[in-house]
Amino acid sequence: MLTAEVEKEENQPINVNTGFQYRFIPQLQVRAGVSSAASIVWAGVGVRLNAVRIDITSSYHPQLGVTPGLLLLFGINKDKE
């Protein structure tokens, strides 16, 4: 999947956010992107194990440095009869 977004705030330059996500197998996906206004780049990997999804991400900002991230999702599926 490829994505692009254009943002314009008053008294701020135009910001273009772009990214991609690729699913190697149903249980594994990678993603990366860039934001033009602040020169932020980010990347991540996601793993799905039954009803649990774990995403690990990291972004880099020129002044702030590296920011890590962790997402845990738990899904409960009920069988409909």
PDB file of N, CA and C in Angstrom:
ATOM      1  N   MET A   1       0.852  -1.158   0.000  1.00  0.00           N
ATOM      2  CA  MET A   1       0.000   0.000   0.000  1.00  0.00           C
ATOM      3  C   MET A   1       0.904   1.228   0.000  1.00  0.00           C
ATOM      4  N   LEU A   2       0.600   2.194  -0.823  1.00  0.00           N
ATOM      5  CA  LEU A   2       1.281   3.478  -0.857  1.00  0.00           C
ATOM      6  C   LEU A   2       0.309   4.558  -0.419  1.00  0.00           C
ATOM      7  N   THR A   3       0.788   5.513   0.378  1.00  0.00           N
ATOM      8  CA  THR A   3      -0.074   6.597   0.834  1.00  0.00           C
ATOM      9  C   THR A   3       0.636   7.936   0.660  1.00  0.00           C
ATOM     10  N   ALA A   4      -0.161   8.978   0.523  1.00  0.00           N
ATOM     11  CA  ALA A   4       0.364  10.346   0.459  1.00  0.00           C
ATOM     12  C   ALA A   4      -0.695  11.280   1.019  1.00  0.00           C
ATOM     13  N   GLU A   5      -0.227  12.317   1.704  1.00  0.00           N
ATOM     14  CA  GLU A   5      -1.121  13.280   2.324  1.00  0.00           C
ATOM     15  C   GLU A   5      -0.458  14.650   2.242  1.00  0.00           C
ATOM     16  N   VAL A   6      -1.245  15.661   1.910  1.00  0.00           N
ATOM     17  CA  VAL A   6      -0.754  17.037   1.862  1.00  0.00           C
ATOM     18  C   VAL A   6      -1.481  17.833   2.939  1.00  0.00           C
ATOM     19  N   GLU A   7      -0.696  18.500   3.803  1.00  0.00           N
ATOM     20  CA  GLU A   7      -1.266  19.308   4.883  1.00  0.00           C
ATOM     21  C   GLU A   7      -0.851  20.761   4.687  1.00  0.00           C
ATOM     22  N   LYS A   8      -1.782  21.651   4.966  1.00  0.00           N
ATOM     23  CA  LYS A   8      -1.470  23.080   4.928  1.00  0.00           C
ATOM     24  C   LYS A   8      -2.118  23.737   6.129  1.00  0.00           C
ATOM     25  N   GLU A   9      -1.276  24.272   7.025  1.00  0.00           N
ATOM     26  CA  GLU A   9      -1.757  25.022   8.174  1.00  0.00           C
ATOM     27  C   GLU A   9      -1.438  26.490   7.949  1.00  0.00           C
ATOM     28  N   GLU A  10      -2.251  27.341   8.529  1.00  0.00           N
ATOM     29  CA  GLU A  10      -2.061  28.778   8.388  1.00  0.00           C
ATOM     30  C   GLU A  10      -0.679  29.186   8.901  1.00  0.00           C
ATOM     31  N   ASN A  11       0.019  30.013   8.144  1.00  0.00           N
ATOM     32  CA  ASN A  11       1.356  30.524   8.464  1.00  0.00           C
ATOM     33  C   ASN A  11       2.422  29.434   8.558  1.00  0.00           C
ATOM     34  N   GLN A  12       2.183  28.288   7.977  1.00  0.00           N
ATOM     35  CA  GLN A  12       3.144  27.185   7.951  1.00  0.00           C
ATOM     36  C   GLN A  12       3.356  26.727   6.512  1.00  0.00           C
ATOM     37  N   PRO A  13       4.539  26.191   6.193  1.00  0.00           N
ATOM     38  CA  PRO A  13       4.747  25.664   4.835  1.00  0.00           C
ATOM     39  C   PRO A  13       3.920  24.397   4.599  1.00  0.00           C
ATOM     40  N   ILE A  14       3.739  24.062   3.351  1.00  0.00           N
ATOM     41  CA  ILE A  14       3.020  22.829   3.007  1.00  0.00           C
ATOM     42  C   ILE A  14       3.827  21.631   3.487  1.00  0.00           C
ATOM     43  N   ASN A  15       3.140  20.662   4.065  1.00  0.00           N
ATOM     44  CA  ASN A  15       3.765  19.440   4.553  1.00  0.00           C
ATOM     45  C   ASN A  15       3.226  18.267   3.745  1.00  0.00           C
ATOM     46  N   VAL A  16       4.127  17.462   3.218  1.00  0.00           N
ATOM     47  CA  VAL A  16       3.739  16.266   2.473  1.00  0.00           C
ATOM     48  C   VAL A  16       4.188  15.048   3.268  1.00  0.00           C
ATOM     49  N   ASN A  17       3.238  14.193   3.604  1.00  0.00           N
ATOM     50  CA  ASN A  17       3.513  12.935   4.295  1.00  0.00           C
ATOM     51  C   ASN A  17       3.353  11.802   3.288  1.00  0.00           C
ATOM     52  N   THR A  18       4.355  10.970   3.160  1.00  0.00           N
ATOM     53  CA  THR A  18       4.262   9.810   2.272  1.00  0.00           C
ATOM     54  C   THR A  18       4.692   8.571   3.037  1.00  0.00           C
ATOM     55  N   GLY A  19       4.188   7.438   2.611  1.00  0.00           N
ATOM     56  CA  GLY A  19       4.557   6.195   3.266  1.00  0.00           C
ATOM     57  C   GLY A  19       4.149   4.984   2.458  1.00  0.00           C
ATOM     58  N   PHE A  20       4.664   3.857   2.882  1.00  0.00           N
ATOM     59  CA  PHE A  20       4.266   2.597   2.267  1.00  0.00           C
ATOM     60  C   PHE A  20       4.164   1.527   3.340  1.00  0.00           C
ATOM     61  N   GLN A  21       3.408   0.510   3.029  1.00  0.00           N
ATOM     62  CA  GLN A  21       3.282  -0.661   3.891  1.00  0.00           C
ATOM     63  C   GLN A  21       3.290  -1.884   2.996  1.00  0.00           C
ATOM     64  N   TYR A  22       4.053  -2.890   3.367  1.00  0.00           N
ATOM     65  CA  TYR A  22       4.138  -4.117   2.579  1.00  0.00           C
ATOM     66  C   TYR A  22       3.927  -5.308   3.493  1.00  0.00           C
ATOM     67  N   ARG A  23       3.049  -6.198   3.090  1.00  0.00           N
ATOM     68  CA  ARG A  23       2.759  -7.405   3.865  1.00  0.00           C
ATOM     69  C   ARG A  23       3.443  -8.587   3.174  1.00  0.00           C
ATOM     70  N   PHE A  24       4.479  -9.119   3.813  1.00  0.00           N
ATOM     71  CA  PHE A  24       5.197 -10.261   3.252  1.00  0.00           C
ATOM     72  C   PHE A  24       4.342 -11.522   3.307  1.00  0.00           C
ATOM     73  N   ILE A  25       3.795 -11.765   4.475  1.00  0.00           N
ATOM     74  CA  ILE A  25       2.860 -12.867   4.719  1.00  0.00           C
ATOM     75  C   ILE A  25       1.770 -12.293   5.619  1.00  0.00           C
ATOM     76  N   PRO A  26       0.630 -12.963   5.778  1.00  0.00           N
ATOM     77  CA  PRO A  26      -0.440 -12.379   6.597  1.00  0.00           C
ATOM     78  C   PRO A  26      -0.011 -12.009   8.020  1.00  0.00           C
ATOM     79  N   GLN A  27       1.026 -12.645   8.542  1.00  0.00           N
ATOM     80  CA  GLN A  27       1.444 -12.374   9.914  1.00  0.00           C
ATOM     81  C   GLN A  27       2.549 -11.317  10.031  1.00  0.00           C
ATOM     82  N   LEU A  28       3.131 -10.842   8.923  1.00  0.00           N
ATOM     83  CA  LEU A  28       4.280  -9.941   8.988  1.00  0.00           C
ATOM     84  C   LEU A  28       4.149  -8.807   7.980  1.00  0.00           C
ATOM     85  N   GLN A  29       4.278  -7.569   8.460  1.00  0.00           N
ATOM     86  CA  GLN A  29       4.244  -6.413   7.571  1.00  0.00           C
ATOM     87  C   GLN A  29       5.279  -5.382   8.007  1.00  0.00           C
ATOM     88  N   VAL A  30       5.786  -4.634   7.039  1.00  0.00           N
ATOM     89  CA  VAL A  30       6.737  -3.559   7.314  1.00  0.00           C
ATOM     90  C   VAL A  30       6.172  -2.268   6.751  1.00  0.00           C
ATOM     91  N   ARG A  31       6.593  -1.145   7.322  1.00  0.00           N
ATOM     92  CA  ARG A  31       6.115   0.152   6.851  1.00  0.00           C
ATOM     93  C   ARG A  31       7.201   1.186   7.063  1.00  0.00           C
ATOM     94  N   ALA A  32       7.174   2.236   6.249  1.00  0.00           N
ATOM     95  CA  ALA A  32       8.129   3.337   6.374  1.00  0.00           C
ATOM     96  C   ALA A  32       7.524   4.565   5.717  1.00  0.00           C
ATOM     97  N   GLY A  33       8.052   5.737   6.083  1.00  0.00           N
ATOM     98  CA  GLY A  33       7.538   6.962   5.492  1.00  0.00           C
ATOM     99  C   GLY A  33       8.387   8.161   5.853  1.00  0.00           C
ATOM    100  N   VAL A  34       7.966   9.308   5.333  1.00  0.00           N
ATOM    101  CA  VAL A  34       8.677  10.557   5.561  1.00  0.00           C
ATOM    102  C   VAL A  34       7.670  11.699   5.612  1.00  0.00           C
ATOM    103  N   SER A  35       7.984  12.697   6.436  1.00  0.00           N
ATOM    104  CA  SER A  35       7.204  13.927   6.523  1.00  0.00           C
ATOM    105  C   SER A  35       8.120  15.065   6.108  1.00  0.00           C
ATOM    106  N   SER A  36       7.731  15.817   5.100  1.00  0.00           N
ATOM    107  CA  SER A  36       8.637  16.795   4.501  1.00  0.00           C
ATOM    108  C   SER A  36       8.857  18.048   5.340  1.00  0.00           C
ATOM    109  N   ALA A  37       7.883  18.528   6.062  1.00  0.00           N
ATOM    110  CA  ALA A  37       8.005  19.809   6.758  1.00  0.00           C
ATOM    111  C   ALA A  37       9.095  19.779   7.833  1.00  0.00           C
ATOM    112  N   ALA A  38       9.184  18.721   8.605  1.00  0.00           N
ATOM    113  CA  ALA A  38      10.172  18.643   9.674  1.00  0.00           C
ATOM    114  C   ALA A  38      11.271  17.627   9.363  1.00  0.00           C
ATOM    115  N   SER A  39      11.275  17.095   8.158  1.00  0.00           N
ATOM    116  CA  SER A  39      12.251  16.081   7.747  1.00  0.00           C
ATOM    117  C   SER A  39      12.259  14.878   8.687  1.00  0.00           C
ATOM    118  N   ILE A  40      11.085  14.408   9.045  1.00  0.00           N
ATOM    119  CA  ILE A  40      10.944  13.249   9.925  1.00  0.00           C
ATOM    120  C   ILE A  40      10.828  11.995   9.074  1.00  0.00           C
ATOM    121  N   VAL A  41      11.629  10.988   9.386  1.00  0.00           N
ATOM    122  CA  VAL A  41      11.510   9.680   8.744  1.00  0.00           C
ATOM    123  C   VAL A  41      11.109   8.676   9.819  1.00  0.00           C
ATOM    124  N   TRP A  42      10.370   7.667   9.419  1.00  0.00           N
ATOM    125  CA  TRP A  42       9.914   6.658  10.358  1.00  0.00           C
ATOM    126  C   TRP A  42       9.868   5.298   9.688  1.00  0.00           C
ATOM    127  N   ALA A  43       9.935   4.237  10.486  1.00  0.00           N
ATOM    128  CA  ALA A  43       9.862   2.872   9.988  1.00  0.00           C
ATOM    129  C   ALA A  43       9.281   2.000  11.086  1.00  0.00           C
ATOM    130  N   GLY A  44       8.724   0.870  10.662  1.00  0.00           N
ATOM    131  CA  GLY A  44       8.146  -0.033  11.644  1.00  0.00           C
ATOM    132  C   GLY A  44       7.929  -1.416  11.079  1.00  0.00           C
ATOM    133  N   VAL A  45       7.693  -2.339  11.967  1.00  0.00           N
ATOM    134  CA  VAL A  45       7.383  -3.712  11.599  1.00  0.00           C
ATOM    135  C   VAL A  45       6.230  -4.172  12.486  1.00  0.00           C
ATOM    136  N   GLY A  46       5.330  -4.956  11.906  1.00  0.00           N
ATOM    137  CA  GLY A  46       4.184  -5.469  12.642  1.00  0.00           C
ATOM    138  C   GLY A  46       4.092  -6.974  12.520  1.00  0.00           C
ATOM    139  N   VAL A  47       3.754  -7.638  13.617  1.00  0.00           N
ATOM    140  CA  VAL A  47       3.616  -9.087  13.655  1.00  0.00           C
ATOM    141  C   VAL A  47       2.250  -9.406  14.240  1.00  0.00           C
ATOM    142  N   ARG A  48       1.521 -10.317  13.594  1.00  0.00           N
ATOM    143  CA  ARG A  48       0.212 -10.755  14.089  1.00  0.00           C
ATOM    144  C   ARG A  48       0.319 -12.221  14.486  1.00  0.00           C
ATOM    145  N   LEU A  49      -0.026 -12.488  15.741  1.00  0.00           N
ATOM    146  CA  LEU A  49      -0.016 -13.842  16.279  1.00  0.00           C
ATOM    147  C   LEU A  49      -1.398 -14.136  16.835  1.00  0.00           C
ATOM    148  N   ASN A  50      -2.207 -14.849  16.076  1.00  0.00           N
ATOM    149  CA  ASN A  50      -3.592 -15.148  16.431  1.00  0.00           C
ATOM    150  C   ASN A  50      -4.357 -13.858  16.720  1.00  0.00           C
ATOM    151  N   ALA A  51      -4.757 -13.610  17.966  1.00  0.00           N
ATOM    152  CA  ALA A  51      -5.555 -12.425  18.294  1.00  0.00           C
ATOM    153  C   ALA A  51      -4.701 -11.264  18.793  1.00  0.00           C
ATOM    154  N   VAL A  52      -3.376 -11.372  18.698  1.00  0.00           N
ATOM    155  CA  VAL A  52      -2.469 -10.335  19.186  1.00  0.00           C
ATOM    156  C   VAL A  52      -1.690  -9.740  18.021  1.00  0.00           C
ATOM    157  N   ARG A  53      -1.608  -8.418  17.998  1.00  0.00           N
ATOM    158  CA  ARG A  53      -0.787  -7.723  17.000  1.00  0.00           C
ATOM    159  C   ARG A  53       0.222  -6.855  17.733  1.00  0.00           C
ATOM    160  N   ILE A  54       1.488  -6.972  17.347  1.00  0.00           N
ATOM    161  CA  ILE A  54       2.566  -6.196  17.953  1.00  0.00           C
ATOM    162  C   ILE A  54       3.231  -5.386  16.847  1.00  0.00           C
ATOM    163  N   ASP A  55       3.277  -4.065  17.032  1.00  0.00           N
ATOM    164  CA  ASP A  55       3.952  -3.172  16.088  1.00  0.00           C
ATOM    165  C   ASP A  55       5.073  -2.459  16.824  1.00  0.00           C
ATOM    166  N   ILE A  56       6.248  -2.469  16.230  1.00  0.00           N
ATOM    167  CA  ILE A  56       7.395  -1.742  16.759  1.00  0.00           C
ATOM    168  C   ILE A  56       7.767  -0.684  15.738  1.00  0.00           C
ATOM    169  N   THR A  57       7.861   0.573  16.170  1.00  0.00           N
ATOM    170  CA  THR A  57       8.160   1.665  15.256  1.00  0.00           C
ATOM    171  C   THR A  57       9.279   2.541  15.822  1.00  0.00           C
ATOM    172  N   SER A  58       9.845   3.325  14.933  1.00  0.00           N
ATOM    173  CA  SER A  58      10.843   4.301  15.341  1.00  0.00           C
ATOM    174  C   SER A  58      10.822   5.440  14.335  1.00  0.00           C
ATOM    175  N   SER A  59      10.975   6.654  14.844  1.00  0.00           N
ATOM    176  CA  SER A  59      11.062   7.810  13.959  1.00  0.00           C
ATOM    177  C   SER A  59      12.294   8.617  14.338  1.00  0.00           C
ATOM    178  N   TYR A  60      12.748   9.427  13.378  1.00  0.00           N
ATOM    179  CA  TYR A  60      13.922  10.258  13.610  1.00  0.00           C
ATOM    180  C   TYR A  60      13.610  11.692  13.228  1.00  0.00           C
ATOM    181  N   HIS A  61      13.833  12.604  14.164  1.00  0.00           N
ATOM    182  CA  HIS A  61      13.657  14.032  13.949  1.00  0.00           C
ATOM    183  C   HIS A  61      15.033  14.682  14.068  1.00  0.00           C
ATOM    184  N   PRO A  62      15.394  15.595  13.146  1.00  0.00           N
ATOM    185  CA  PRO A  62      16.738  16.175  13.173  1.00  0.00           C
ATOM    186  C   PRO A  62      17.107  16.852  14.497  1.00  0.00           C
ATOM    187  N   GLN A  63      16.177  17.523  15.159  1.00  0.00           N
ATOM    188  CA  GLN A  63      16.495  18.193  16.418  1.00  0.00           C
ATOM    189  C   GLN A  63      16.204  17.324  17.653  1.00  0.00           C
ATOM    190  N   LEU A  64      15.193  16.490  17.575  1.00  0.00           N
ATOM    191  CA  LEU A  64      14.776  15.716  18.743  1.00  0.00           C
ATOM    192  C   LEU A  64      15.398  14.328  18.815  1.00  0.00           C
ATOM    193  N   GLY A  65      15.895  13.831  17.718  1.00  0.00           N
ATOM    194  CA  GLY A  65      16.523  12.512  17.698  1.00  0.00           C
ATOM    195  C   GLY A  65      15.531  11.387  17.457  1.00  0.00           C
ATOM    196  N   VAL A  66      15.831  10.230  18.002  1.00  0.00           N
ATOM    197  CA  VAL A  66      15.059   9.010  17.765  1.00  0.00           C
ATOM    198  C   VAL A  66      13.916   8.891  18.773  1.00  0.00           C
ATOM    199  N   THR A  67      12.743   8.501  18.273  1.00  0.00           N
ATOM    200  CA  THR A  67      11.585   8.242  19.122  1.00  0.00           C
ATOM    201  C   THR A  67      11.091   6.824  18.841  1.00  0.00           C
ATOM    202  N   PRO A  68      11.185   5.922  19.824  1.00  0.00           N
ATOM    203  CA  PRO A  68      10.678   4.563  19.621  1.00  0.00           C
ATOM    204  C   PRO A  68       9.190   4.485  19.936  1.00  0.00           C
ATOM    205  N   GLY A  69       8.550   3.435  19.430  1.00  0.00           N
ATOM    206  CA  GLY A  69       7.138   3.233  19.717  1.00  0.00           C
ATOM    207  C   GLY A  69       6.787   1.753  19.748  1.00  0.00           C
ATOM    208  N   LEU A  70       5.778   1.420  20.538  1.00  0.00           N
ATOM    209  CA  LEU A  70       5.304   0.049  20.653  1.00  0.00           C
ATOM    210  C   LEU A  70       3.785   0.062  20.695  1.00  0.00           C
ATOM    211  N   LEU A  71       3.155  -0.773  19.870  1.00  0.00           N
ATOM    212  CA  LEU A  71       1.704  -0.885  19.823  1.00  0.00           C
ATOM    213  C   LEU A  71       1.328  -2.335  20.090  1.00  0.00           C
ATOM    214  N   LEU A  72       0.463  -2.554  21.052  1.00  0.00           N
ATOM    215  CA  LEU A  72      -0.063  -3.876  21.345  1.00  0.00           C
ATOM    216  C   LEU A  72      -1.575  -3.851  21.155  1.00  0.00           C
ATOM    217  N   LEU A  73      -2.088  -4.716  20.303  1.00  0.00           N
ATOM    218  CA  LEU A  73      -3.525  -4.822  20.074  1.00  0.00           C
ATOM    219  C   LEU A  73      -3.977  -6.237  20.377  1.00  0.00           C
ATOM    220  N   PHE A  74      -5.060  -6.338  21.127  1.00  0.00           N
ATOM    221  CA  PHE A  74      -5.648  -7.630  21.445  1.00  0.00           C
ATOM    222  C   PHE A  74      -7.053  -7.664  20.864  1.00  0.00           C
ATOM    223  N   GLY A  75      -7.331  -8.651  20.050  1.00  0.00           N
ATOM    224  CA  GLY A  75      -8.656  -8.782  19.458  1.00  0.00           C
ATOM    225  C   GLY A  75      -9.364 -10.011  19.988  1.00  0.00           C
ATOM    226  N   ILE A  76     -10.647  -9.862  20.257  1.00  0.00           N
ATOM    227  CA  ILE A  76     -11.461 -10.989  20.707  1.00  0.00           C
ATOM    228  C   ILE A  76     -12.525 -11.220  19.647  1.00  0.00           C
ATOM    229  N   ASN A  77     -12.461 -12.361  19.016  1.00  0.00           N
ATOM    230  CA  ASN A  77     -13.441 -12.704  17.994  1.00  0.00           C
ATOM    231  C   ASN A  77     -14.472 -13.650  18.581  1.00  0.00           C
ATOM    232  N   LYS A  78     -15.735 -13.271  18.449  1.00  0.00           N
ATOM    233  CA  LYS A  78     -16.821 -14.140  18.890  1.00  0.00           C
ATOM    234  C   LYS A  78     -17.436 -14.782  17.655  1.00  0.00           C
ATOM    235  N   ASP A  79     -17.625 -16.076  17.730  1.00  0.00           N
ATOM    236  CA  ASP A  79     -18.273 -16.773  16.624  1.00  0.00           C
ATOM    237  C   ASP A  79     -19.743 -16.439  16.597  1.00  0.00           C
ATOM    238  N   LYS A  80     -20.211 -16.047  15.407  1.00  0.00           N
ATOM    239  CA  LYS A  80     -21.627 -15.733  15.244  1.00  0.00           C
ATOM    240  C   LYS A  80     -22.329 -16.970  14.714  1.00  0.00           C
ATOM    241  N   GLU A  81     -23.389 -17.328  15.372  1.00  0.00           N
ATOM    242  CA  GLU A  81     -24.122 -18.525  14.947  1.00  0.00           C
ATOM    243  C   GLU A  81     -25.317 -18.157  14.128  1.00  0.00           C
TER     244      GLU A  81
END
